[in-house]
C-alpha cells in the first residue's frame, strides 16, 4: 500500500499554508507549551493474571456496512490465536447479529448509546492485558495486534500507544477532501518510522487505532462518558481526554508507526455536511477540553477572538483567490469560532 504524506506534524497542526504565518506561529507556540513534567505514579498492578495478551475491541451501532470486513481483519492477525481475542460491542438495544459472524468473535451488548459507554463496556469484559480499539469501518494490518502488544513491552510507564490510520480514498479523489485535511476523516499519518513518545495534543492518537494498558484504563476510570460520539453526533474528544488524564499521572503516550489500519469511510461522508460538522466539533471540543480541566493550556477569550479575526481575514481573501472548497472550509471555521465566542462571552 502506498503510504501518503504525513499529516501529524507541528506544521500540519499550525496549517501554515491555509492560515498564514502569523496564525501559524501562534498555533505552533500554543502546541509547544507542554505541561510541566512530573514523576510518574506507579502503574497499577492488575488483580490476578490476564488470560490474553491483547483484546481487539470493535464498538458498533450496527449501521456501518464495513463491519464484517473490519471483524475479519481483526481475526486474521499473525499473533497466535490463543494470545488475543476479538470482542465486538453491540451499541444498540436489539440483539446483535451473532450468527452472521465467525464463532471466534465474542459479543457484548451495551444498550446505552455512546462510543465511550461502549468502549468502557468492552474493557469491562475484555480478558487482555492490553486493549486495542478499532473503528467498525477500519481494516487492520495483519501485524497490528502483535506490534501494539510489543510496543508496551519494556515500557512499564506507558499507558497508551497509537498507530497510523491511512484513509482509503475513492477514485477519483472526492473534491471535499482538500490535501492536508484528510484528518477530517480520521487520517493519522506520521513522518517517522520508529516508535516515538508524544506529549503534544495535536500528536495524541485516536480511535481507529488506539491501544491502552488495561490496568491503566481501569485506574483512570475509563473513557469519560461526557465526551465521545453519540448516535449521529460528531462530538469526540474522549481519547484526547484520556491521554491528558494519563499525562497528569506522569504516564507516557507513544506512537508505533508500524502498527496501522486502513480507514474505509462510507462514501456519503465525503460531503459538505461532514466537513462543516467535523470542523465545528473539533473547535468546540478543543475548547471543552480546556474548560473541563483536561488540557493544561487552551483557548482563552483573547485567543478565540484572534482566531476569529484571522479566520475572517482569510475568508475574505479566499473569496477572491481560493477555490470553492477552500472558501467553504474557511467559512466553516469562521462560523465555528463565532459560535464559540458567543458561548464564551455569555458564560
C-alpha atoms as a PDB file:
ATOM      1  CA  UNK A   1       0.000   0.000   0.000  1.00  0.00           C
ATOM      2  CA  UNK A   2       1.334   3.412  -0.953  1.00  0.00           C
ATOM      3  CA  UNK A   3       1.846   5.487   2.197  1.00  0.00           C
ATOM      4  CA  UNK A   4       0.625   9.094   1.814  1.00  0.00           C
ATOM      5  CA  UNK A   5       2.295  12.183   3.199  1.00  0.00           C
ATOM      6  CA  UNK A   6       2.312  12.736   6.972  1.00  0.00           C
ATOM      7  CA  UNK A   7      -0.357  14.978   8.477  1.00  0.00           C
ATOM      8  CA  UNK A   8       0.503  14.689  12.197  1.00  0.00           C
ATOM      9  CA  UNK A   9       3.268  17.293  12.424  1.00  0.00           C
ATOM     10  CA  UNK A  10       3.580  20.677  14.082  1.00  0.00           C
ATOM     11  CA  UNK A  11       3.436  22.281  10.635  1.00  0.00           C
ATOM     12  CA  UNK A  12       0.246  20.399   9.888  1.00  0.00           C
ATOM     13  CA  UNK A  13      -1.300  21.378  13.210  1.00  0.00           C
ATOM     14  CA  UNK A  14      -0.481  25.008  12.562  1.00  0.00           C
ATOM     15  CA  UNK A  15      -1.871  24.815   8.996  1.00  0.00           C
ATOM     16  CA  UNK A  16       0.748  27.198   7.630  1.00  0.00           C
ATOM     17  CA  UNK A  17      -0.440  27.014   4.039  1.00  0.00           C
ATOM     18  CA  UNK A  18      -4.050  27.788   4.903  1.00  0.00           C
ATOM     19  CA  UNK A  19      -3.644  30.075   7.887  1.00  0.00           C
ATOM     20  CA  UNK A  20      -0.707  32.306   7.051  1.00  0.00           C
ATOM     21  CA  UNK A  21       2.482  32.762   9.034  1.00  0.00           C
ATOM     22  CA  UNK A  22       1.008  34.957  11.809  1.00  0.00           C
ATOM     23  CA  UNK A  23      -1.637  32.489  12.930  1.00  0.00           C
ATOM     24  CA  UNK A  24       0.610  29.505  12.256  1.00  0.00           C
ATOM     25  CA  UNK A  25       3.232  30.856  14.670  1.00  0.00           C
ATOM     26  CA  UNK A  26       0.601  31.408  17.347  1.00  0.00           C
ATOM     27  CA  UNK A  27      -0.760  27.889  16.888  1.00  0.00           C
ATOM     28  CA  UNK A  28       2.722  26.408  16.978  1.00  0.00           C
ATOM     29  CA  UNK A  29       3.661  28.238  20.170  1.00  0.00           C
ATOM     30  CA  UNK A  30       0.432  27.061  21.805  1.00  0.00           C
ATOM     31  CA  UNK A  31       1.094  23.438  20.880  1.00  0.00           C
ATOM     32  CA  UNK A  32       4.646  23.540  22.223  1.00  0.00           C
ATOM     33  CA  UNK A  33       3.629  24.776  25.671  1.00  0.00           C
ATOM     34  CA  UNK A  34       3.922  21.393  27.256  1.00  0.00           C
ATOM     35  CA  UNK A  35       2.648  20.671  30.749  1.00  0.00           C
ATOM     36  CA  UNK A  36       5.370  20.504  33.359  1.00  0.00           C
ATOM     37  CA  UNK A  37       6.960  17.084  33.716  1.00  0.00           C
ATOM     38  CA  UNK A  38       6.287  15.096  36.859  1.00  0.00           C
ATOM     39  CA  UNK A  39       7.412  11.855  38.394  1.00  0.00           C
ATOM     40  CA  UNK A  40       5.127   9.073  37.211  1.00  0.00           C
ATOM     41  CA  UNK A  41       2.786   7.361  39.594  1.00  0.00           C
ATOM     42  CA  UNK A  42       3.334   3.593  39.752  1.00  0.00           C
ATOM     43  CA  UNK A  43       1.393   1.781  37.061  1.00  0.00           C
ATOM     44  CA  UNK A  44      -1.441  -0.107  38.809  1.00  0.00           C
ATOM     45  CA  UNK A  45      -0.907  -3.828  39.235  1.00  0.00           C
ATOM     46  CA  UNK A  46      -3.851  -5.907  38.000  1.00  0.00           C
ATOM     47  CA  UNK A  47      -5.511  -8.463  40.208  1.00  0.00           C
ATOM     48  CA  UNK A  48      -4.550 -11.938  39.011  1.00  0.00           C
ATOM     49  CA  UNK A  49      -3.226 -12.713  35.530  1.00  0.00           C
ATOM     50  CA  UNK A  50      -4.683 -11.689  32.200  1.00  0.00           C
ATOM     51  CA  UNK A  51      -5.965 -14.544  30.068  1.00  0.00           C
ATOM     52  CA  UNK A  52      -4.873 -12.858  26.815  1.00  0.00           C
ATOM     53  CA  UNK A  53      -2.051 -10.564  25.772  1.00  0.00           C
ATOM     54  CA  UNK A  54      -4.378  -8.227  23.934  1.00  0.00           C
ATOM     55  CA  UNK A  55      -8.090  -7.747  23.315  1.00  0.00           C
ATOM     56  CA  UNK A  56      -9.104  -6.261  19.969  1.00  0.00           C
ATOM     57  CA  UNK A  57     -12.312  -4.309  20.612  1.00  0.00           C
ATOM     58  CA  UNK A  58     -14.671  -3.008  17.933  1.00  0.00           C
ATOM     59  CA  UNK A  59     -17.622  -0.888  19.029  1.00  0.00           C
ATOM     60  CA  UNK A  60     -20.509  -0.545  16.600  1.00  0.00           C
ATOM     61  CA  UNK A  61     -24.004   0.875  16.355  1.00  0.00           C
ATOM     62  CA  UNK A  62     -24.661  -1.618  13.583  1.00  0.00           C
ATOM     63  CA  UNK A  63     -25.065   0.904  10.775  1.00  0.00           C
ATOM     64  CA  UNK A  64     -21.635   0.618   9.122  1.00  0.00           C
ATOM     65  CA  UNK A  65     -21.501  -1.542   6.004  1.00  0.00           C
ATOM     66  CA  UNK A  66     -17.817  -2.309   6.641  1.00  0.00           C
ATOM     67  CA  UNK A  67     -18.238  -4.092   9.989  1.00  0.00           C
ATOM     68  CA  UNK A  68     -17.772  -7.573   8.521  1.00  0.00           C
ATOM     69  CA  UNK A  69     -14.521  -6.602   6.792  1.00  0.00           C
ATOM     70  CA  UNK A  70     -13.248  -4.923   9.980  1.00  0.00           C
ATOM     71  CA  UNK A  71     -14.004  -8.008  12.081  1.00  0.00           C
ATOM     72  CA  UNK A  72     -12.416 -10.339   9.521  1.00  0.00           C
ATOM     73  CA  UNK A  73      -9.209  -8.274   9.577  1.00  0.00           C
ATOM     74  CA  UNK A  74      -9.152  -8.394  13.376  1.00  0.00           C
ATOM     75  CA  UNK A  75      -9.475 -12.190  13.265  1.00  0.00           C
ATOM     76  CA  UNK A  76      -6.725 -12.570  10.644  1.00  0.00           C
ATOM     77  CA  UNK A  77      -3.854 -11.409  12.838  1.00  0.00           C
ATOM     78  CA  UNK A  78      -0.431 -13.047  12.783  1.00  0.00           C
ATOM     79  CA  UNK A  79      -0.373 -13.234  16.584  1.00  0.00           C
ATOM     80  CA  UNK A  80      -1.032 -16.703  17.993  1.00  0.00           C
ATOM     81  CA  UNK A  81      -4.777 -17.242  18.247  1.00  0.00           C
ATOM     82  CA  UNK A  82      -4.614 -18.115  21.942  1.00  0.00           C
ATOM     83  CA  UNK A  83      -2.849 -14.823  22.725  1.00  0.00           C
ATOM     84  CA  UNK A  84      -5.605 -12.467  21.595  1.00  0.00           C
ATOM     85  CA  UNK A  85      -9.365 -12.160  21.371  1.00  0.00           C
ATOM     86  CA  UNK A  86     -11.780 -10.198  19.212  1.00  0.00           C
ATOM     87  CA  UNK A  87     -14.601  -8.522  21.095  1.00  0.00           C
ATOM     88  CA  UNK A  88     -17.468  -6.675  19.394  1.00  0.00           C
ATOM     89  CA  UNK A  89     -19.559  -4.296  21.497  1.00  0.00           C
ATOM     90  CA  UNK A  90     -23.086  -4.011  20.068  1.00  0.00           C
ATOM     91  CA  UNK A  91     -24.126  -0.462  20.988  1.00  0.00           C
ATOM     92  CA  UNK A  92     -27.846  -0.962  20.451  1.00  0.00           C
ATOM     93  CA  UNK A  93     -30.884  -2.255  22.291  1.00  0.00           C
ATOM     94  CA  UNK A  94     -31.707  -5.079  19.881  1.00  0.00           C
ATOM     95  CA  UNK A  95     -29.882  -8.397  19.603  1.00  0.00           C
ATOM     96  CA  UNK A  96     -26.508  -8.482  17.795  1.00  0.00           C
ATOM     97  CA  UNK A  97     -26.189 -10.458  14.532  1.00  0.00           C
ATOM     98  CA  UNK A  98     -24.041 -13.157  16.098  1.00  0.00           C
ATOM     99  CA  UNK A  99     -24.816 -15.880  13.565  1.00  0.00           C
ATOM    100  CA  UNK A 100     -23.612 -13.725  10.654  1.00  0.00           C
ATOM    101  CA  UNK A 101     -20.055 -13.690  12.015  1.00  0.00           C
ATOM    102  CA  UNK A 102     -17.337 -16.136  12.969  1.00  0.00           C
ATOM    103  CA  UNK A 103     -17.894 -18.069  16.216  1.00  0.00           C
ATOM    104  CA  UNK A 104     -14.441 -16.830  17.264  1.00  0.00           C
ATOM    105  CA  UNK A 105     -15.938 -13.373  17.872  1.00  0.00           C
ATOM    106  CA  UNK A 106     -17.118 -12.608  21.392  1.00  0.00           C
ATOM    107  CA  UNK A 107     -20.123 -10.271  21.572  1.00  0.00           C
ATOM    108  CA  UNK A 108     -21.052  -7.849  24.347  1.00  0.00           C
ATOM    109  CA  UNK A 109     -24.148  -5.671  24.384  1.00  0.00           C
ATOM    110  CA  UNK A 110     -24.232  -2.040  25.594  1.00  0.00           C
ATOM    111  CA  UNK A 111     -27.705  -0.581  25.022  1.00  0.00           C
ATOM    112  CA  UNK A 112     -26.855   2.911  26.261  1.00  0.00           C
ATOM    113  CA  UNK A 113     -25.855   4.921  23.164  1.00  0.00           C
ATOM    114  CA  UNK A 114     -22.421   6.485  23.012  1.00  0.00           C
ATOM    115  CA  UNK A 115     -18.952   5.363  21.980  1.00  0.00           C
ATOM    116  CA  UNK A 116     -17.455   5.970  25.436  1.00  0.00           C
ATOM    117  CA  UNK A 117     -20.087   3.781  27.105  1.00  0.00           C
ATOM    118  CA  UNK A 118     -19.419   1.075  24.509  1.00  0.00           C
ATOM    119  CA  UNK A 119     -15.660   1.242  24.949  1.00  0.00           C
ATOM    120  CA  UNK A 120     -15.921   1.064  28.726  1.00  0.00           C
ATOM    121  CA  UNK A 121     -18.251  -1.923  28.489  1.00  0.00           C
ATOM    122  CA  UNK A 122     -15.788  -3.613  26.162  1.00  0.00           C
ATOM    123  CA  UNK A 123     -12.987  -3.021  28.655  1.00  0.00           C
ATOM    124  CA  UNK A 124     -15.078  -4.432  31.494  1.00  0.00           C
ATOM    125  CA  UNK A 125     -15.491  -7.725  29.609  1.00  0.00           C
ATOM    126  CA  UNK A 126     -12.059  -7.894  27.962  1.00  0.00           C
ATOM    127  CA  UNK A 127      -9.533 -10.535  29.015  1.00  0.00           C
ATOM    128  CA  UNK A 128      -6.441  -8.851  27.570  1.00  0.00           C
ATOM    129  CA  UNK A 129      -3.569  -7.134  29.338  1.00  0.00           C
ATOM    130  CA  UNK A 130      -3.781  -4.502  26.606  1.00  0.00           C
ATOM    131  CA  UNK A 131      -6.874  -3.185  24.853  1.00  0.00           C
ATOM    132  CA  UNK A 132      -6.733  -2.326  21.164  1.00  0.00           C
ATOM    133  CA  UNK A 133      -9.686  -0.276  19.924  1.00  0.00           C
ATOM    134  CA  UNK A 134     -10.565  -0.245  16.234  1.00  0.00           C
ATOM    135  CA  UNK A 135     -13.365   1.534  14.399  1.00  0.00           C
ATOM    136  CA  UNK A 136     -16.032  -0.568  12.733  1.00  0.00           C
ATOM    137  CA  UNK A 137     -15.009   0.829   9.337  1.00  0.00           C
ATOM    138  CA  UNK A 138     -11.262   0.195   9.735  1.00  0.00           C
ATOM    139  CA  UNK A 139      -9.305  -2.702   8.235  1.00  0.00           C
ATOM    140  CA  UNK A 140      -6.334  -3.840  10.300  1.00  0.00           C
ATOM    141  CA  UNK A 141      -2.893  -4.764   9.029  1.00  0.00           C
ATOM    142  CA  UNK A 142      -2.249  -8.426   9.831  1.00  0.00           C
ATOM    143  CA  UNK A 143       0.549  -7.487  12.279  1.00  0.00           C
ATOM    144  CA  UNK A 144      -1.436  -4.825  14.146  1.00  0.00           C
ATOM    145  CA  UNK A 145      -2.155  -6.751  17.365  1.00  0.00           C
ATOM    146  CA  UNK A 146       1.363  -8.162  17.660  1.00  0.00           C
ATOM    147  CA  UNK A 147       3.051  -4.811  17.094  1.00  0.00           C
ATOM    148  CA  UNK A 148       0.771  -2.998  19.521  1.00  0.00           C
ATOM    149  CA  UNK A 149       1.337  -5.570  22.271  1.00  0.00           C
ATOM    150  CA  UNK A 150       5.103  -5.495  21.671  1.00  0.00           C
ATOM    151  CA  UNK A 151       5.132  -1.687  21.936  1.00  0.00           C
ATOM    152  CA  UNK A 152       4.117  -1.884  25.600  1.00  0.00           C
ATOM    153  CA  UNK A 153       6.803  -4.415  26.492  1.00  0.00           C
ATOM    154  CA  UNK A 154       9.767  -2.884  28.305  1.00  0.00           C
ATOM    155  CA  UNK A 155       7.864   0.387  28.720  1.00  0.00           C
ATOM    156  CA  UNK A 156       6.226  -0.085  32.089  1.00  0.00           C
ATOM    157  CA  UNK A 157       5.361   3.616  32.386  1.00  0.00           C
ATOM    158  CA  UNK A 158       3.474   3.689  29.066  1.00  0.00           C
ATOM    159  CA  UNK A 159      -0.309   3.815  29.290  1.00  0.00           C
ATOM    160  CA  UNK A 160      -1.353   4.475  25.684  1.00  0.00           C
ATOM    161  CA  UNK A 161       0.028   3.569  22.256  1.00  0.00           C
ATOM    162  CA  UNK A 162      -1.449   4.698  18.945  1.00  0.00           C
ATOM    163  CA  UNK A 163      -0.825   3.642  15.377  1.00  0.00           C
ATOM    164  CA  UNK A 164      -1.213   5.137  11.947  1.00  0.00           C
ATOM    165  CA  UNK A 165      -4.562   5.485  10.161  1.00  0.00           C
ATOM    166  CA  UNK A 166      -4.431   5.550   6.375  1.00  0.00           C
ATOM    167  CA  UNK A 167      -7.519   6.958   4.704  1.00  0.00           C
ATOM    168  CA  UNK A 168      -8.748   4.916   1.745  1.00  0.00           C
ATOM    169  CA  UNK A 169      -9.985   7.446  -0.793  1.00  0.00           C
ATOM    170  CA  UNK A 170     -12.244   6.518  -3.707  1.00  0.00           C
ATOM    171  CA  UNK A 171     -11.176   7.251  -7.270  1.00  0.00           C
ATOM    172  CA  UNK A 172     -11.456   9.908  -8.436  1.00  0.00           C
ATOM    173  CA  UNK A 173     -10.498  11.742  -5.252  1.00  0.00           C
ATOM    174  CA  UNK A 174     -13.544  13.476  -3.741  1.00  0.00           C
ATOM    175  CA  UNK A 175     -13.449  17.257  -4.102  1.00  0.00           C
ATOM    176  CA  UNK A 176     -14.400  17.579  -0.435  1.00  0.00           C
ATOM    177  CA  UNK A 177     -11.034  16.194   0.714  1.00  0.00           C
ATOM    178  CA  UNK A 178      -8.558  19.054   0.451  1.00  0.00           C
ATOM    179  CA  UNK A 179      -4.883  17.964   0.523  1.00  0.00           C
ATOM    180  CA  UNK A 180      -3.555  18.209   4.065  1.00  0.00           C
ATOM    181  CA  UNK A 181      -7.040  17.999   5.591  1.00  0.00           C
ATOM    182  CA  UNK A 182      -7.542  14.231   5.480  1.00  0.00           C
ATOM    183  CA  UNK A 183      -7.680  14.320   9.280  1.00  0.00           C
ATOM    184  CA  UNK A 184     -11.327  15.362   8.960  1.00  0.00           C
ATOM    185  CA  UNK A 185     -11.857  11.705   8.046  1.00  0.00           C
ATOM    186  CA  UNK A 186      -9.585  10.444  10.860  1.00  0.00           C
ATOM    187  CA  UNK A 187      -6.357  10.069   8.876  1.00  0.00           C
ATOM    188  CA  UNK A 188      -3.347   9.895  11.217  1.00  0.00           C
ATOM    189  CA  UNK A 189      -0.020   9.743   9.394  1.00  0.00           C
ATOM    190  CA  UNK A 190       3.389  10.427  10.956  1.00  0.00           C
ATOM    191  CA  UNK A 191       6.729  11.315   9.295  1.00  0.00           C
ATOM    192  CA  UNK A 192       8.849   8.912  11.356  1.00  0.00           C
ATOM    193  CA  UNK A 193       9.268   5.130  11.148  1.00  0.00           C
ATOM    194  CA  UNK A 194      10.240   4.169  14.716  1.00  0.00           C
ATOM    195  CA  UNK A 195       8.344   4.208  17.997  1.00  0.00           C
ATOM    196  CA  UNK A 196       8.157   7.707  19.471  1.00  0.00           C
ATOM    197  CA  UNK A 197       6.790   9.225  22.666  1.00  0.00           C
ATOM    198  CA  UNK A 198       4.443  12.187  22.243  1.00  0.00           C
ATOM    199  CA  UNK A 199       3.146  14.873  24.598  1.00  0.00           C
ATOM    200  CA  UNK A 200       1.519  17.484  22.374  1.00  0.00           C
ATOM    201  CA  UNK A 201      -2.232  17.420  21.894  1.00  0.00           C
ATOM    202  CA  UNK A 202      -2.026  17.512  18.102  1.00  0.00           C
ATOM    203  CA  UNK A 203       0.029  14.281  18.193  1.00  0.00           C
ATOM    204  CA  UNK A 204      -2.293  12.296  20.502  1.00  0.00           C
ATOM    205  CA  UNK A 205      -3.593   9.074  18.884  1.00  0.00           C
ATOM    206  CA  UNK A 206      -7.277   8.410  18.369  1.00  0.00           C
ATOM    207  CA  UNK A 207      -9.939   5.796  17.966  1.00  0.00           C
ATOM    208  CA  UNK A 208      -9.480   3.808  14.771  1.00  0.00           C
ATOM    209  CA  UNK A 209      -6.083   2.564  16.019  1.00  0.00           C
ATOM    210  CA  UNK A 210      -5.799   3.214  19.763  1.00  0.00           C
ATOM    211  CA  UNK A 211      -4.358   0.876  22.413  1.00  0.00           C
ATOM    212  CA  UNK A 212      -4.338   1.310  26.172  1.00  0.00           C
ATOM    213  CA  UNK A 213      -2.944  -0.720  29.046  1.00  0.00           C
ATOM    214  CA  UNK A 214      -5.944  -2.399  30.676  1.00  0.00           C
ATOM    215  CA  UNK A 215      -4.864  -1.648  34.245  1.00  0.00           C
ATOM    216  CA  UNK A 216      -4.217   1.999  33.349  1.00  0.00           C
ATOM    217  CA  UNK A 217      -7.665   2.441  31.826  1.00  0.00           C
ATOM    218  CA  UNK A 218      -9.249   0.929  34.924  1.00  0.00           C
ATOM    219  CA  UNK A 219      -7.242   3.264  37.178  1.00  0.00           C
ATOM    220  CA  UNK A 220      -8.290   6.304  35.117  1.00  0.00           C
ATOM    221  CA  UNK A 221     -11.952   5.337  35.428  1.00  0.00           C
ATOM    222  CA  UNK A 222     -12.405   4.527  31.744  1.00  0.00           C
ATOM    223  CA  UNK A 223     -13.156   6.876  28.881  1.00  0.00           C
ATOM    224  CA  UNK A 224     -15.011   9.990  30.123  1.00  0.00           C
ATOM    225  CA  UNK A 225     -18.638   9.459  29.180  1.00  0.00           C
ATOM    226  CA  UNK A 226     -19.390  13.168  28.758  1.00  0.00           C
ATOM    227  CA  UNK A 227     -17.146  13.015  25.671  1.00  0.00           C
ATOM    228  CA  UNK A 228     -17.402  10.867  22.569  1.00  0.00           C
ATOM    229  CA  UNK A 229     -19.874  10.475  19.746  1.00  0.00           C
ATOM    230  CA  UNK A 230     -23.455   9.541  20.457  1.00  0.00           C
ATOM    231  CA  UNK A 231     -25.643   8.392  17.584  1.00  0.00           C
ATOM    232  CA  UNK A 232     -25.279  10.697  14.588  1.00  0.00           C
ATOM    233  CA  UNK A 233     -23.393  13.326  16.622  1.00  0.00           C
ATOM    234  CA  UNK A 234     -19.907  14.482  15.669  1.00  0.00           C
ATOM    235  CA  UNK A 235     -18.539  15.368  19.095  1.00  0.00           C
ATOM    236  CA  UNK A 236     -15.461  13.335  20.011  1.00  0.00           C
ATOM    237  CA  UNK A 237     -12.530  14.043  22.289  1.00  0.00           C
ATOM    238  CA  UNK A 238     -12.760  11.021  24.582  1.00  0.00           C
ATOM    239  CA  UNK A 239      -9.362   9.654  23.515  1.00  0.00           C
ATOM    240  CA  UNK A 240      -7.756  13.099  23.870  1.00  0.00           C
ATOM    241  CA  UNK A 241      -9.209  13.484  27.363  1.00  0.00           C
ATOM    242  CA  UNK A 242      -7.859  10.052  28.301  1.00  0.00           C
ATOM    243  CA  UNK A 243      -4.390  10.997  27.007  1.00  0.00           C
ATOM    244  CA  UNK A 244      -4.394  14.126  29.163  1.00  0.00           C
ATOM    245  CA  UNK A 245      -5.522  12.069  32.162  1.00  0.00           C
ATOM    246  CA  UNK A 246      -2.604   9.682  31.619  1.00  0.00           C
ATOM    247  CA  UNK A 247      -0.095  12.547  31.353  1.00  0.00           C
ATOM    248  CA  UNK A 248      -1.445  14.035  34.569  1.00  0.00           C
ATOM    249  CA  UNK A 249      -0.308  10.843  36.304  1.00  0.00           C
ATOM    250  CA  UNK A 250       3.096  11.026  34.701  1.00  0.00           C
ATOM    251  CA  UNK A 251       2.410   8.096  32.382  1.00  0.00           C
ATOM    252  CA  UNK A 252       3.668   8.016  28.814  1.00  0.00           C
ATOM    253  CA  UNK A 253       1.971   8.003  25.415  1.00  0.00           C
ATOM    254  CA  UNK A 254       3.623   6.512  22.356  1.00  0.00           C
ATOM    255  CA  UNK A 255       3.104   6.146  18.623  1.00  0.00           C
ATOM    256  CA  UNK A 256       4.075   2.957  16.813  1.00  0.00           C
ATOM    257  CA  UNK A 257       4.220   3.796  13.075  1.00  0.00           C
ATOM    258  CA  UNK A 258       4.495   0.126  12.104  1.00  0.00           C
ATOM    259  CA  UNK A 259       1.054  -0.544  13.573  1.00  0.00           C
ATOM    260  CA  UNK A 260      -1.666   0.651  11.232  1.00  0.00           C
ATOM    261  CA  UNK A 261      -5.183   0.342   9.909  1.00  0.00           C
ATOM    262  CA  UNK A 262      -6.809   1.500   6.711  1.00  0.00           C
ATOM    263  CA  UNK A 263      -9.925   3.609   7.210  1.00  0.00           C
ATOM    264  CA  UNK A 264     -12.729   2.692   4.793  1.00  0.00           C
ATOM    265  CA  UNK A 265     -15.058   5.663   5.036  1.00  0.00           C
ATOM    266  CA  UNK A 266     -18.656   5.435   3.824  1.00  0.00           C
ATOM    267  CA  UNK A 267     -18.974   7.401   0.526  1.00  0.00           C
ATOM    268  CA  UNK A 268     -21.697   9.704   1.865  1.00  0.00           C
ATOM    269  CA  UNK A 269     -19.225  11.148   4.369  1.00  0.00           C
ATOM    270  CA  UNK A 270     -17.245  12.936   1.653  1.00  0.00           C
ATOM    271  CA  UNK A 271     -19.727  15.785   1.815  1.00  0.00           C
ATOM    272  CA  UNK A 272     -20.159  19.428   2.750  1.00  0.00           C
ATOM    273  CA  UNK A 273     -22.168  18.436   5.817  1.00  0.00           C
ATOM    274  CA  UNK A 274     -19.384  16.184   7.103  1.00  0.00           C
ATOM    275  CA  UNK A 275     -16.786  18.919   6.617  1.00  0.00           C
ATOM    276  CA  UNK A 276     -18.888  21.532   8.416  1.00  0.00           C
ATOM    277  CA  UNK A 277     -19.857  19.318  11.354  1.00  0.00           C
ATOM    278  CA  UNK A 278     -16.358  17.906  11.826  1.00  0.00           C
ATOM    279  CA  UNK A 279     -14.659  21.312  11.799  1.00  0.00           C
ATOM    280  CA  UNK A 280     -17.243  22.665  14.233  1.00  0.00           C
ATOM    281  CA  UNK A 281     -16.951  19.672  16.571  1.00  0.00           C
ATOM    282  CA  UNK A 282     -13.148  19.844  16.563  1.00  0.00           C
ATOM    283  CA  UNK A 283     -13.071  23.512  17.544  1.00  0.00           C
ATOM    284  CA  UNK A 284     -15.751  23.281  20.227  1.00  0.00           C
ATOM    285  CA  UNK A 285     -14.305  20.076  21.696  1.00  0.00           C
ATOM    286  CA  UNK A 286     -10.805  21.558  21.934  1.00  0.00           C
ATOM    287  CA  UNK A 287     -12.249  24.416  23.967  1.00  0.00           C
ATOM    288  CA  UNK A 288     -14.246  21.999  26.168  1.00  0.00           C
ATOM    289  CA  UNK A 289     -11.103  20.011  26.993  1.00  0.00           C
ATOM    290  CA  UNK A 290      -9.516  23.179  28.383  1.00  0.00           C
ATOM    291  CA  UNK A 291     -12.700  24.360  30.096  1.00  0.00           C
ATOM    292  CA  UNK A 292     -13.205  20.992  31.813  1.00  0.00           C
ATOM    293  CA  UNK A 293      -9.641  20.830  33.096  1.00  0.00           C
ATOM    294  CA  UNK A 294      -8.191  18.141  30.817  1.00  0.00           C
ATOM    295  CA  UNK A 295      -5.960  20.353  28.678  1.00  0.00           C
ATOM    296  CA  UNK A 296      -3.409  22.364  30.708  1.00  0.00           C
ATOM    297  CA  UNK A 297      -3.380  25.085  28.069  1.00  0.00           C
ATOM    298  CA  UNK A 298      -6.096  26.256  25.787  1.00  0.00           C
ATOM    299  CA  UNK A 299      -8.124  28.882  24.108  1.00  0.00           C
ATOM    300  CA  UNK A 300      -8.916  31.811  26.344  1.00  0.00           C
ATOM    301  CA  UNK A 301     -11.225  34.620  25.227  1.00  0.00           C
ATOM    302  CA  UNK A 302      -8.371  36.661  23.757  1.00  0.00           C
ATOM    303  CA  UNK A 303      -7.078  33.735  21.722  1.00  0.00           C
ATOM    304  CA  UNK A 304     -10.521  32.846  20.342  1.00  0.00           C
ATOM    305  CA  UNK A 305     -11.133  36.470  19.329  1.00  0.00           C
ATOM    306  CA  UNK A 306      -7.817  36.465  17.495  1.00  0.00           C
ATOM    307  CA  UNK A 307      -8.630  33.188  15.751  1.00  0.00           C
ATOM    308  CA  UNK A 308     -11.981  34.589  14.636  1.00  0.00           C
ATOM    309  CA  UNK A 309     -10.394  37.808  13.391  1.00  0.00           C
ATOM    310  CA  UNK A 310      -7.815  35.939  11.339  1.00  0.00           C
ATOM    311  CA  UNK A 311     -10.417  33.491  10.025  1.00  0.00           C
ATOM    312  CA  UNK A 312     -12.440  36.475   8.841  1.00  0.00           C
ATOM    313  CA  UNK A 313      -9.393  37.920   7.063  1.00  0.00           C
ATOM    314  CA  UNK A 314      -8.589  34.583   5.434  1.00  0.00           C
ATOM    315  CA  UNK A 315     -12.188  34.026   4.374  1.00  0.00           C
ATOM    316  CA  UNK A 316     -12.312  37.418   2.676  1.00  0.00           C
ATOM    317  CA  UNK A 317      -9.002  36.701   0.912  1.00  0.00           C
ATOM    318  CA  UNK A 318     -10.152  33.271  -0.247  1.00  0.00           C
ATOM    319  CA  UNK A 319     -13.337  34.741  -1.674  1.00  0.00           C
ATOM    320  CA  UNK A 320     -11.052  36.474  -4.177  1.00  0.00           C
ATOM    321  CA  UNK A 321      -8.324  33.882  -4.726  1.00  0.00           C
ATOM    322  CA  UNK A 322      -9.416  30.499  -3.353  1.00  0.00           C
ATOM    323  CA  UNK A 323     -11.332  27.580  -4.745  1.00  0.00           C
ATOM    324  CA  UNK A 324     -14.937  26.915  -3.794  1.00  0.00           C
ATOM    325  CA  UNK A 325     -13.894  24.212  -1.317  1.00  0.00           C
ATOM    326  CA  UNK A 326     -11.143  26.339   0.232  1.00  0.00           C
ATOM    327  CA  UNK A 327     -13.706  29.075   0.782  1.00  0.00           C
ATOM    328  CA  UNK A 328     -16.127  26.584   2.298  1.00  0.00           C
ATOM    329  CA  UNK A 329     -13.565  25.137   4.732  1.00  0.00           C
ATOM    330  CA  UNK A 330     -12.702  28.627   5.946  1.00  0.00           C
ATOM    331  CA  UNK A 331     -16.365  29.606   6.186  1.00  0.00           C
ATOM    332  CA  UNK A 332     -16.967  26.568   8.424  1.00  0.00           C
ATOM    333  CA  UNK A 333     -14.012  27.511  10.629  1.00  0.00           C
ATOM    334  CA  UNK A 334     -15.161  31.115  10.839  1.00  0.00           C
ATOM    335  CA  UNK A 335     -18.694  30.121  11.822  1.00  0.00           C
ATOM    336  CA  UNK A 336     -17.456  27.677  14.474  1.00  0.00           C
ATOM    337  CA  UNK A 337     -15.213  30.269  16.117  1.00  0.00           C
ATOM    338  CA  UNK A 338     -18.061  32.772  16.049  1.00  0.00           C
ATOM    339  CA  UNK A 339     -20.318  30.263  17.804  1.00  0.00           C
ATOM    340  CA  UNK A 340     -17.616  29.527  20.364  1.00  0.00           C
ATOM    341  CA  UNK A 341     -17.018  33.226  21.018  1.00  0.00           C
ATOM    342  CA  UNK A 342     -20.715  33.773  21.686  1.00  0.00           C
ATOM    343  CA  UNK A 343     -20.736  30.843  24.108  1.00  0.00           C
ATOM    344  CA  UNK A 344     -17.691  32.147  25.984  1.00  0.00           C
ATOM    345  CA  UNK A 345     -18.973  35.716  26.238  1.00  0.00           C
ATOM    346  CA  UNK A 346     -22.323  34.536  27.572  1.00  0.00           C
ATOM    347  CA  UNK A 347     -20.724  32.224  30.162  1.00  0.00           C
END
